[in-house]
N, C-alpha and C. Protein backbone atom coordinates (compact mmCIF):
# COMPACT_ATOMS: atom_id res chain seq x y z
N MET A 1 87.66 121.71 122.35
CA MET A 1 88.29 121.04 123.46
C MET A 1 89.81 121.10 123.30
N VAL A 2 90.49 121.36 124.39
CA VAL A 2 91.94 121.50 124.38
C VAL A 2 92.55 120.13 124.68
N SER A 3 93.48 119.73 123.87
CA SER A 3 94.13 118.44 124.11
C SER A 3 95.23 118.62 125.15
N PRO A 4 95.51 117.59 125.93
CA PRO A 4 96.56 117.70 126.94
C PRO A 4 97.93 117.86 126.29
N PHE A 5 98.91 118.38 127.07
CA PHE A 5 100.21 118.72 126.51
C PHE A 5 100.97 117.49 126.00
N TRP A 6 100.73 116.32 126.60
CA TRP A 6 101.48 115.15 126.16
C TRP A 6 100.93 114.55 124.86
N ALA A 7 99.70 114.94 124.50
CA ALA A 7 99.10 114.39 123.28
C ALA A 7 99.43 115.24 122.07
N SER A 8 99.81 116.49 122.25
CA SER A 8 100.08 117.36 121.10
C SER A 8 101.52 117.16 120.64
N PRO A 9 101.75 117.16 119.33
CA PRO A 9 103.11 116.99 118.83
C PRO A 9 103.92 118.27 119.05
N VAL A 10 105.21 118.10 119.22
CA VAL A 10 106.10 119.25 119.40
C VAL A 10 106.47 119.77 118.02
N LYS A 11 106.35 121.08 117.85
CA LYS A 11 106.65 121.67 116.55
C LYS A 11 108.00 122.38 116.65
N PHE A 12 108.95 121.86 115.85
CA PHE A 12 110.29 122.44 115.82
C PHE A 12 110.41 123.38 114.63
N PRO A 13 111.27 124.36 114.72
CA PRO A 13 111.50 125.22 113.54
C PRO A 13 112.13 124.42 112.39
N ILE A 14 111.95 124.91 111.20
CA ILE A 14 112.38 124.18 110.01
C ILE A 14 113.90 123.96 109.97
N PRO A 15 114.76 124.92 110.37
CA PRO A 15 116.21 124.62 110.34
C PRO A 15 116.58 123.44 111.26
N PHE A 16 115.91 123.32 112.38
CA PHE A 16 116.19 122.20 113.27
C PHE A 16 115.78 120.88 112.63
N LYS A 17 114.64 120.90 111.93
CA LYS A 17 114.18 119.69 111.25
C LYS A 17 115.18 119.26 110.18
N ILE A 18 115.74 120.23 109.47
CA ILE A 18 116.73 119.92 108.44
C ILE A 18 117.98 119.34 109.07
N TRP A 19 118.45 119.96 110.15
CA TRP A 19 119.65 119.48 110.85
C TRP A 19 119.43 118.07 111.40
N LEU A 20 118.25 117.84 112.00
CA LEU A 20 117.95 116.53 112.58
C LEU A 20 117.88 115.47 111.50
N ALA A 21 117.23 115.79 110.40
CA ALA A 21 117.11 114.82 109.31
C ALA A 21 118.47 114.51 108.71
N SER A 22 119.33 115.52 108.58
CA SER A 22 120.64 115.28 107.97
C SER A 22 121.53 114.46 108.90
N HIS A 23 121.44 114.68 110.18
CA HIS A 23 122.26 113.90 111.10
C HIS A 23 121.75 112.46 111.24
N ARG A 24 120.47 112.32 111.10
CA ARG A 24 119.94 110.95 111.15
C ARG A 24 120.38 110.16 109.94
N LEU A 25 120.41 110.81 108.82
CA LEU A 25 120.79 110.12 107.59
C LEU A 25 122.28 110.20 107.32
N GLY A 26 123.00 111.04 108.08
CA GLY A 26 124.44 111.18 107.89
C GLY A 26 124.81 111.88 106.62
N GLN A 27 124.00 112.84 106.20
CA GLN A 27 124.26 113.51 104.93
C GLN A 27 124.62 114.97 105.17
N ILE A 28 125.84 115.22 105.57
CA ILE A 28 126.31 116.59 105.71
C ILE A 28 127.42 116.78 104.70
N SER A 29 127.31 117.86 103.95
CA SER A 29 128.31 118.10 102.90
C SER A 29 129.57 118.70 103.52
N ASP A 30 130.61 118.85 102.67
CA ASP A 30 131.88 119.38 103.15
C ASP A 30 131.77 120.83 103.58
N ASN A 31 130.93 121.60 102.97
CA ASN A 31 130.82 123.00 103.35
C ASN A 31 129.89 123.20 104.54
N GLY A 32 129.34 122.16 105.09
CA GLY A 32 128.53 122.27 106.30
C GLY A 32 127.06 122.44 106.04
N SER A 33 126.64 122.56 104.80
CA SER A 33 125.22 122.72 104.53
C SER A 33 124.57 121.35 104.45
N ALA A 34 123.39 121.29 104.91
CA ALA A 34 122.69 120.00 104.97
C ALA A 34 122.01 119.73 103.65
N GLU A 35 122.17 118.52 103.17
CA GLU A 35 121.48 118.13 101.96
C GLU A 35 120.22 117.41 102.37
N MET A 36 119.20 117.75 101.73
CA MET A 36 117.91 117.14 102.05
C MET A 36 117.84 115.76 101.43
N ALA A 37 117.24 114.90 102.12
CA ALA A 37 117.04 113.56 101.59
C ALA A 37 115.99 113.61 100.50
N GLU A 38 116.05 112.65 99.64
CA GLU A 38 115.09 112.63 98.55
C GLU A 38 113.69 112.39 99.08
N ASP A 39 113.63 111.73 100.18
CA ASP A 39 112.33 111.41 100.76
C ASP A 39 112.01 112.42 101.84
N THR A 40 111.60 113.60 101.49
CA THR A 40 111.29 114.62 102.49
C THR A 40 109.94 114.36 103.13
N GLU A 41 109.14 113.55 102.50
CA GLU A 41 107.83 113.24 103.07
C GLU A 41 107.98 112.46 104.37
N GLU A 42 109.03 111.67 104.49
CA GLU A 42 109.24 110.86 105.67
C GLU A 42 109.53 111.72 106.90
N THR A 43 110.28 112.78 106.76
CA THR A 43 110.59 113.64 107.89
C THR A 43 109.41 114.51 108.26
N GLU A 44 108.61 114.86 107.27
CA GLU A 44 107.47 115.71 107.57
C GLU A 44 106.31 114.92 108.14
N GLU A 45 106.28 113.63 107.85
CA GLU A 45 105.19 112.82 108.38
C GLU A 45 105.33 112.69 109.89
N LYS A 46 104.22 112.65 110.52
CA LYS A 46 104.22 112.47 111.96
C LYS A 46 104.35 110.98 112.24
N LYS A 47 105.40 110.62 113.00
CA LYS A 47 105.59 109.22 113.34
C LYS A 47 104.73 108.90 114.54
N ALA A 48 103.97 107.86 114.41
CA ALA A 48 103.04 107.50 115.48
C ALA A 48 103.81 106.76 116.58
N GLY A 49 103.69 107.24 117.84
CA GLY A 49 104.30 106.59 118.99
C GLY A 49 103.30 105.65 119.62
N MET A 50 103.57 105.28 120.88
CA MET A 50 102.65 104.38 121.56
C MET A 50 101.36 105.10 121.92
N GLY A 51 101.45 106.33 122.27
CA GLY A 51 100.25 107.06 122.62
C GLY A 51 99.72 106.69 123.99
N LEU A 52 98.64 107.30 124.34
CA LEU A 52 98.05 107.09 125.67
C LEU A 52 97.49 105.68 125.81
N LYS A 53 96.86 105.17 124.77
CA LYS A 53 96.29 103.83 124.84
C LYS A 53 97.38 102.77 124.99
N GLY A 54 98.48 102.95 124.31
CA GLY A 54 99.59 102.00 124.40
C GLY A 54 100.18 101.96 125.81
N TRP A 55 100.39 103.15 126.38
CA TRP A 55 100.95 103.20 127.74
C TRP A 55 99.96 102.61 128.75
N LEU A 56 98.69 102.85 128.56
CA LEU A 56 97.69 102.31 129.46
C LEU A 56 97.68 100.78 129.41
N ILE A 57 97.81 100.22 128.24
CA ILE A 57 97.86 98.76 128.11
C ILE A 57 99.11 98.20 128.79
N VAL A 58 100.25 98.88 128.63
CA VAL A 58 101.50 98.41 129.26
C VAL A 58 101.37 98.44 130.78
N VAL A 59 100.80 99.50 131.34
CA VAL A 59 100.66 99.62 132.80
C VAL A 59 99.70 98.56 133.33
N ILE A 60 98.58 98.35 132.64
CA ILE A 60 97.62 97.34 133.10
C ILE A 60 98.23 95.94 133.02
N LEU A 61 98.94 95.66 131.94
CA LEU A 61 99.60 94.36 131.79
C LEU A 61 100.65 94.13 132.88
N ALA A 62 101.43 95.15 133.20
CA ALA A 62 102.45 95.02 134.26
C ALA A 62 101.79 94.79 135.61
N ALA A 63 100.69 95.48 135.89
CA ALA A 63 99.99 95.30 137.17
C ALA A 63 99.41 93.89 137.28
N VAL A 64 98.83 93.38 136.19
CA VAL A 64 98.26 92.03 136.22
C VAL A 64 99.35 90.98 136.41
N LEU A 65 100.47 91.12 135.70
CA LEU A 65 101.57 90.15 135.85
C LEU A 65 102.20 90.24 137.24
N GLY A 66 102.36 91.44 137.76
CA GLY A 66 102.91 91.60 139.11
C GLY A 66 101.98 91.01 140.16
N GLY A 67 100.69 91.26 140.02
CA GLY A 67 99.73 90.69 140.96
C GLY A 67 99.68 89.19 140.88
N GLY A 68 99.76 88.64 139.68
CA GLY A 68 99.77 87.18 139.53
C GLY A 68 101.02 86.56 140.14
N GLY A 69 102.17 87.21 139.97
CA GLY A 69 103.41 86.71 140.57
C GLY A 69 103.36 86.76 142.08
N PHE A 70 102.80 87.86 142.61
CA PHE A 70 102.67 87.98 144.07
C PHE A 70 101.76 86.88 144.61
N TYR A 71 100.63 86.66 143.94
CA TYR A 71 99.69 85.63 144.41
C TYR A 71 100.34 84.24 144.37
N ALA A 72 101.09 83.97 143.31
CA ALA A 72 101.71 82.65 143.18
C ALA A 72 102.74 82.41 144.29
N THR A 73 103.53 83.42 144.64
CA THR A 73 104.52 83.23 145.70
C THR A 73 103.88 83.27 147.07
N TYR A 74 102.87 84.10 147.27
CA TYR A 74 102.23 84.22 148.59
C TYR A 74 101.42 82.98 148.93
N SER A 75 100.78 82.40 147.92
CA SER A 75 99.95 81.22 148.18
C SER A 75 100.78 79.93 148.21
N GLY A 76 102.03 79.99 147.80
CA GLY A 76 102.90 78.82 147.87
C GLY A 76 102.90 77.98 146.62
N LEU A 77 102.40 78.48 145.52
CA LEU A 77 102.38 77.71 144.30
C LEU A 77 103.78 77.45 143.75
N VAL A 78 104.69 78.41 143.93
CA VAL A 78 106.05 78.25 143.41
C VAL A 78 107.07 78.08 144.52
N ALA A 79 106.65 77.91 145.74
CA ALA A 79 107.59 77.80 146.85
C ALA A 79 108.40 76.52 146.78
N ASP A 80 107.81 75.44 146.33
CA ASP A 80 108.52 74.16 146.28
C ASP A 80 109.62 74.16 145.23
N GLN A 81 109.44 74.88 144.15
CA GLN A 81 110.42 74.87 143.08
C GLN A 81 111.66 75.68 143.42
N PHE A 82 111.48 76.78 144.16
CA PHE A 82 112.60 77.67 144.44
C PHE A 82 113.06 77.61 145.88
N ALA A 83 112.56 76.69 146.67
CA ALA A 83 112.94 76.60 148.08
C ALA A 83 114.37 76.11 148.20
N ALA A 84 115.09 76.68 149.16
CA ALA A 84 116.47 76.28 149.39
C ALA A 84 116.49 74.95 150.13
N LYS A 85 117.32 74.09 149.67
CA LYS A 85 117.45 72.78 150.32
C LYS A 85 118.37 72.92 151.54
N PRO A 86 117.97 72.40 152.70
CA PRO A 86 118.84 72.52 153.88
C PRO A 86 120.09 71.67 153.71
N ALA A 87 121.20 72.22 154.17
CA ALA A 87 122.47 71.50 154.08
C ALA A 87 122.51 70.38 155.11
N PRO A 88 123.03 69.24 154.74
CA PRO A 88 123.11 68.16 155.73
C PRO A 88 124.12 68.51 156.81
N HIS A 89 123.75 68.20 158.05
CA HIS A 89 124.63 68.49 159.18
C HIS A 89 125.53 67.30 159.45
N PRO A 90 126.75 67.56 159.88
CA PRO A 90 127.62 66.45 160.26
C PRO A 90 127.04 65.70 161.46
N VAL A 91 127.46 64.46 161.63
CA VAL A 91 126.93 63.60 162.68
C VAL A 91 127.23 64.17 164.06
N ALA A 92 128.40 64.82 164.24
CA ALA A 92 128.77 65.35 165.55
C ALA A 92 127.83 66.46 165.97
N GLU A 93 127.36 67.28 165.03
CA GLU A 93 126.45 68.35 165.38
C GLU A 93 125.04 67.84 165.63
N GLN A 94 124.66 66.75 164.99
CA GLN A 94 123.33 66.21 165.23
C GLN A 94 123.22 65.64 166.63
N ASP A 95 124.30 65.03 167.12
CA ASP A 95 124.26 64.48 168.46
C ASP A 95 124.32 65.58 169.51
N GLY A 96 124.94 66.70 169.20
CA GLY A 96 125.02 67.82 170.12
C GLY A 96 126.14 67.61 171.13
N PRO A 97 126.43 68.64 171.88
CA PRO A 97 127.49 68.53 172.88
C PRO A 97 127.02 67.73 174.09
N LYS A 98 127.99 67.28 174.84
CA LYS A 98 127.70 66.54 176.05
C LYS A 98 128.24 67.36 177.22
N PHE A 99 127.56 67.30 178.36
CA PHE A 99 127.97 68.07 179.52
C PHE A 99 128.45 67.13 180.62
N VAL A 100 129.62 67.46 181.15
CA VAL A 100 130.19 66.68 182.24
C VAL A 100 130.12 67.55 183.49
N GLU A 101 129.46 67.03 184.53
CA GLU A 101 129.32 67.80 185.77
C GLU A 101 130.54 67.55 186.65
N LEU A 102 131.13 68.64 187.12
CA LEU A 102 132.23 68.53 188.06
C LEU A 102 131.66 68.44 189.47
N GLU A 103 132.41 67.79 190.36
CA GLU A 103 131.95 67.69 191.74
C GLU A 103 131.93 69.09 192.36
N PRO A 104 130.93 69.41 193.17
CA PRO A 104 130.90 70.73 193.81
C PRO A 104 132.11 70.90 194.74
N MET A 105 132.62 72.12 194.81
CA MET A 105 133.79 72.42 195.64
C MET A 105 133.44 73.49 196.65
N LEU A 106 134.03 73.40 197.82
CA LEU A 106 133.93 74.41 198.86
C LEU A 106 135.36 74.83 199.18
N VAL A 107 135.74 76.05 198.77
CA VAL A 107 137.13 76.50 198.85
C VAL A 107 137.21 77.67 199.81
N THR A 108 138.18 77.65 200.72
CA THR A 108 138.42 78.76 201.62
C THR A 108 139.20 79.83 200.85
N VAL A 109 138.71 81.07 200.88
CA VAL A 109 139.35 82.16 200.16
C VAL A 109 139.69 83.27 201.15
N GLY A 110 140.66 84.08 200.82
CA GLY A 110 140.99 85.23 201.64
C GLY A 110 142.21 85.06 202.50
N GLY A 111 143.01 84.05 202.29
CA GLY A 111 144.26 83.90 203.03
C GLY A 111 144.08 83.18 204.35
N PRO A 112 145.19 83.08 205.12
CA PRO A 112 145.12 82.36 206.40
C PRO A 112 144.27 83.11 207.41
N GLY A 113 143.51 82.38 208.19
CA GLY A 113 142.67 82.96 209.23
C GLY A 113 141.35 83.51 208.71
N SER A 114 141.07 83.39 207.43
CA SER A 114 139.83 83.91 206.86
C SER A 114 138.74 82.85 207.01
N ILE A 115 137.53 83.34 207.22
CA ILE A 115 136.41 82.40 207.34
C ILE A 115 135.51 82.43 206.11
N LYS A 116 135.93 83.16 205.08
CA LYS A 116 135.13 83.22 203.86
C LYS A 116 135.34 81.96 203.05
N GLN A 117 134.24 81.46 202.52
CA GLN A 117 134.29 80.26 201.70
C GLN A 117 133.56 80.51 200.38
N LEU A 118 134.07 79.84 199.37
CA LEU A 118 133.48 79.94 198.04
C LEU A 118 132.88 78.60 197.66
N LYS A 119 131.59 78.62 197.40
CA LYS A 119 130.91 77.42 196.91
C LYS A 119 130.92 77.49 195.39
N PHE A 120 131.51 76.48 194.75
CA PHE A 120 131.73 76.48 193.29
C PHE A 120 131.21 75.18 192.71
N ARG A 121 130.39 75.30 191.66
CA ARG A 121 129.88 74.14 190.94
C ARG A 121 129.84 74.51 189.46
N ALA A 122 130.29 73.58 188.59
CA ALA A 122 130.38 73.90 187.16
C ALA A 122 130.14 72.66 186.31
N PHE A 123 129.85 72.93 185.04
CA PHE A 123 129.71 71.89 184.02
C PHE A 123 130.73 72.19 182.92
N LEU A 124 131.23 71.13 182.29
CA LEU A 124 132.13 71.27 181.15
C LEU A 124 131.38 70.82 179.90
N GLU A 125 131.44 71.64 178.88
CA GLU A 125 130.83 71.28 177.60
C GLU A 125 131.89 70.62 176.74
N VAL A 126 131.66 69.37 176.39
CA VAL A 126 132.64 68.59 175.62
C VAL A 126 131.98 68.05 174.36
N PRO A 127 132.77 67.76 173.33
CA PRO A 127 132.19 67.10 172.16
C PRO A 127 131.63 65.74 172.54
N HIS A 128 130.72 65.26 171.75
CA HIS A 128 130.02 64.02 172.09
C HIS A 128 130.97 62.83 172.24
N ASP A 129 132.02 62.79 171.45
CA ASP A 129 132.92 61.64 171.50
C ASP A 129 134.09 61.82 172.47
N GLY A 130 134.30 63.00 173.03
CA GLY A 130 135.47 63.25 173.88
C GLY A 130 135.18 63.30 175.36
N SER A 131 134.01 62.87 175.79
CA SER A 131 133.66 63.01 177.20
C SER A 131 134.42 62.04 178.10
N ASP A 132 134.80 60.87 177.59
CA ASP A 132 135.52 59.89 178.41
C ASP A 132 136.89 60.40 178.83
N HIS A 133 137.56 61.10 177.94
CA HIS A 133 138.89 61.65 178.23
C HIS A 133 138.80 62.69 179.36
N VAL A 134 137.78 63.53 179.32
CA VAL A 134 137.63 64.57 180.33
C VAL A 134 137.23 63.97 181.67
N VAL A 135 136.41 62.95 181.67
CA VAL A 135 135.98 62.31 182.93
C VAL A 135 137.17 61.68 183.65
N THR A 136 138.11 61.10 182.90
CA THR A 136 139.28 60.50 183.55
C THR A 136 140.20 61.55 184.14
N LEU A 137 140.18 62.78 183.60
CA LEU A 137 141.03 63.85 184.12
C LEU A 137 140.34 64.71 185.18
N GLN A 138 139.16 64.33 185.64
CA GLN A 138 138.40 65.16 186.58
C GLN A 138 139.16 65.46 187.88
N PRO A 139 139.89 64.53 188.50
CA PRO A 139 140.63 64.90 189.71
C PRO A 139 141.68 65.99 189.47
N ARG A 140 142.37 65.93 188.34
CA ARG A 140 143.34 66.99 188.02
C ARG A 140 142.64 68.32 187.75
N ILE A 141 141.49 68.27 187.09
CA ILE A 141 140.73 69.49 186.81
C ILE A 141 140.30 70.15 188.12
N LEU A 142 139.80 69.37 189.05
CA LEU A 142 139.38 69.92 190.35
C LEU A 142 140.58 70.50 191.11
N ASP A 143 141.73 69.86 191.01
CA ASP A 143 142.94 70.37 191.66
C ASP A 143 143.35 71.72 191.08
N ILE A 144 143.33 71.84 189.76
CA ILE A 144 143.69 73.10 189.11
C ILE A 144 142.71 74.20 189.50
N PHE A 145 141.42 73.88 189.50
CA PHE A 145 140.41 74.87 189.85
C PHE A 145 140.55 75.33 191.30
N SER A 146 140.71 74.39 192.22
CA SER A 146 140.78 74.77 193.64
C SER A 146 142.05 75.57 193.92
N THR A 147 143.17 75.23 193.28
CA THR A 147 144.41 75.98 193.47
C THR A 147 144.25 77.42 192.99
N TYR A 148 143.65 77.60 191.84
CA TYR A 148 143.45 78.96 191.32
C TYR A 148 142.47 79.75 192.19
N LEU A 149 141.36 79.12 192.60
CA LEU A 149 140.35 79.83 193.37
C LEU A 149 140.85 80.20 194.77
N ARG A 150 141.72 79.37 195.38
CA ARG A 150 142.28 79.71 196.70
C ARG A 150 143.22 80.90 196.62
N ALA A 151 143.85 81.11 195.48
CA ALA A 151 144.79 82.22 195.32
C ALA A 151 144.09 83.57 195.14
N LEU A 152 142.79 83.56 194.89
CA LEU A 152 142.06 84.81 194.68
C LEU A 152 141.82 85.52 196.01
N GLY A 153 141.91 86.83 195.99
CA GLY A 153 141.64 87.62 197.18
C GLY A 153 140.16 87.96 197.28
N PRO A 154 139.72 88.37 198.50
CA PRO A 154 138.30 88.71 198.67
C PRO A 154 137.87 89.92 197.84
N ASP A 155 138.78 90.87 197.63
CA ASP A 155 138.42 92.05 196.82
C ASP A 155 138.20 91.66 195.36
N THR A 156 138.91 90.66 194.87
CA THR A 156 138.72 90.19 193.50
C THR A 156 137.35 89.53 193.35
N LEU A 157 136.95 88.78 194.35
CA LEU A 157 135.67 88.07 194.28
C LEU A 157 134.47 89.01 194.40
N GLU A 158 134.66 90.17 195.01
CA GLU A 158 133.55 91.11 195.18
C GLU A 158 133.32 91.98 193.95
N ASP A 159 134.26 92.00 193.04
CA ASP A 159 134.12 92.78 191.81
C ASP A 159 133.04 92.15 190.93
N PRO A 160 132.09 92.97 190.40
CA PRO A 160 131.01 92.41 189.57
C PRO A 160 131.51 91.73 188.28
N ALA A 161 132.60 92.21 187.73
CA ALA A 161 133.13 91.63 186.48
C ALA A 161 134.11 90.50 186.74
N ALA A 162 134.31 90.14 187.99
CA ALA A 162 135.30 89.11 188.32
C ALA A 162 134.92 87.75 187.76
N LEU A 163 133.65 87.43 187.73
CA LEU A 163 133.24 86.10 187.26
C LEU A 163 133.65 85.85 185.82
N ILE A 164 133.61 86.88 185.01
CA ILE A 164 134.00 86.73 183.60
C ILE A 164 135.50 86.45 183.49
N ARG A 165 136.31 87.19 184.26
CA ARG A 165 137.76 86.96 184.23
C ARG A 165 138.12 85.60 184.82
N ILE A 166 137.46 85.21 185.92
CA ILE A 166 137.73 83.91 186.55
C ILE A 166 137.37 82.78 185.60
N ARG A 167 136.23 82.91 184.93
CA ARG A 167 135.81 81.88 183.98
C ARG A 167 136.81 81.74 182.84
N ALA A 168 137.31 82.87 182.32
CA ALA A 168 138.30 82.84 181.24
C ALA A 168 139.60 82.20 181.71
N GLN A 169 140.04 82.50 182.93
CA GLN A 169 141.28 81.92 183.45
C GLN A 169 141.13 80.41 183.68
N LEU A 170 139.98 80.00 184.21
CA LEU A 170 139.76 78.57 184.44
C LEU A 170 139.69 77.81 183.12
N LEU A 171 139.05 78.39 182.13
CA LEU A 171 138.96 77.74 180.82
C LEU A 171 140.34 77.65 180.17
N ARG A 172 141.16 78.68 180.35
CA ARG A 172 142.53 78.65 179.81
C ARG A 172 143.34 77.53 180.46
N ARG A 173 143.25 77.40 181.77
CA ARG A 173 143.95 76.33 182.47
C ARG A 173 143.42 74.95 182.07
N LEU A 174 142.13 74.88 181.82
CA LEU A 174 141.51 73.64 181.40
C LEU A 174 142.00 73.22 180.01
N HIS A 175 142.15 74.18 179.12
CA HIS A 175 142.67 73.88 177.78
C HIS A 175 144.12 73.44 177.82
N LEU A 176 144.90 74.00 178.75
CA LEU A 176 146.29 73.57 178.89
C LEU A 176 146.37 72.11 179.35
N LEU A 177 145.45 71.69 180.19
CA LEU A 177 145.46 70.33 180.71
C LEU A 177 144.89 69.32 179.70
N THR A 178 143.73 69.63 179.13
CA THR A 178 143.03 68.65 178.30
C THR A 178 143.30 68.80 176.81
N GLY A 179 143.79 69.92 176.39
CA GLY A 179 143.96 70.20 174.96
C GLY A 179 142.87 71.16 174.51
N PRO A 180 143.11 71.91 173.45
CA PRO A 180 142.15 72.95 173.04
C PRO A 180 140.83 72.43 172.50
N ASP A 181 140.79 71.20 171.99
CA ASP A 181 139.57 70.68 171.39
C ASP A 181 138.77 69.77 172.31
N ALA A 182 139.33 69.43 173.47
CA ALA A 182 138.65 68.48 174.35
C ALA A 182 137.47 69.12 175.07
N VAL A 183 137.60 70.40 175.46
CA VAL A 183 136.53 71.11 176.18
C VAL A 183 136.22 72.38 175.40
N SER A 184 134.95 72.58 175.08
CA SER A 184 134.60 73.77 174.31
C SER A 184 134.11 74.92 175.19
N ASP A 185 133.60 74.63 176.39
CA ASP A 185 133.11 75.73 177.24
C ASP A 185 133.05 75.27 178.69
N LEU A 186 133.08 76.28 179.57
CA LEU A 186 132.94 76.05 181.01
C LEU A 186 131.70 76.80 181.47
N LEU A 187 130.76 76.09 182.05
CA LEU A 187 129.51 76.69 182.50
C LEU A 187 129.52 76.71 184.03
N ILE A 188 129.57 77.89 184.60
CA ILE A 188 129.60 78.02 186.07
C ILE A 188 128.15 78.11 186.56
N ILE A 189 127.77 77.19 187.43
CA ILE A 189 126.41 77.11 187.93
C ILE A 189 126.30 77.81 189.28
N ASP A 190 127.18 77.49 190.20
CA ASP A 190 127.18 78.12 191.53
C ASP A 190 128.51 78.81 191.74
N PHE A 191 128.42 80.07 192.21
CA PHE A 191 129.61 80.84 192.57
C PHE A 191 129.18 81.77 193.69
N VAL A 192 129.22 81.22 194.91
CA VAL A 192 128.68 81.93 196.06
C VAL A 192 129.76 82.08 197.11
N VAL A 193 130.00 83.32 197.55
CA VAL A 193 130.96 83.59 198.62
C VAL A 193 130.16 83.78 199.90
N THR A 194 130.49 82.97 200.93
CA THR A 194 129.81 83.09 202.24
C THR A 194 130.77 83.47 203.33
C-alpha cells in the first residue's frame, strides 16, 4: 500500500542536513565548514509531528467549540451578559417636539388684477418648552409669510421645485424673527394655487 504524500517524511541530501543542523546549533567554524554536533543521533532521528490524528482532533475540537458558541449566542444564553445597555435619553427628547398650527391663509398672487390665489396652511415644529414664545409671535409670523408669498410670481409657483425653495425661504425668515432654536422645522400642509 502506498502512503499519501503528506504522511511520508521528506528526505534531504546529507550536505543539507549538516548545514541545517549546524545553523540550528550555531556551530559554524571560521573557515566555513560545519562542525557536527556530538549528538548526531538527534538530527538523524525522525521528529514526530502532530500527524493526521492530531490534525483531525484539532479540527473536530474547533468544530465542536464553534458549534457550541453559535448555539449559545443563537439561543440567547449569553445575550444578557453582552447586550448593550441603551443610553438614557434627555427629558426634552422623551417628550418629543410640539407642533403649532398656523391659521390658514388665502393670498392673492400674480400682481395687480390677477385672480390667482394661493391657499397656504402650515405647522411649525417647536421644542416642547418653547411653544408659548412662538404662539405669541403668530401674528408677526403670518405677516412675514403673507408678504413673502404675495411677492412671488405665477411662474415661480408653477415650478415643481419651487416648494422646496419657498419652504427654505420661509424657514429662514422664521428663524430671523423667532431665533434659530425656537423653531426647528416648517411643515407645509396645503399649498394650492387656484
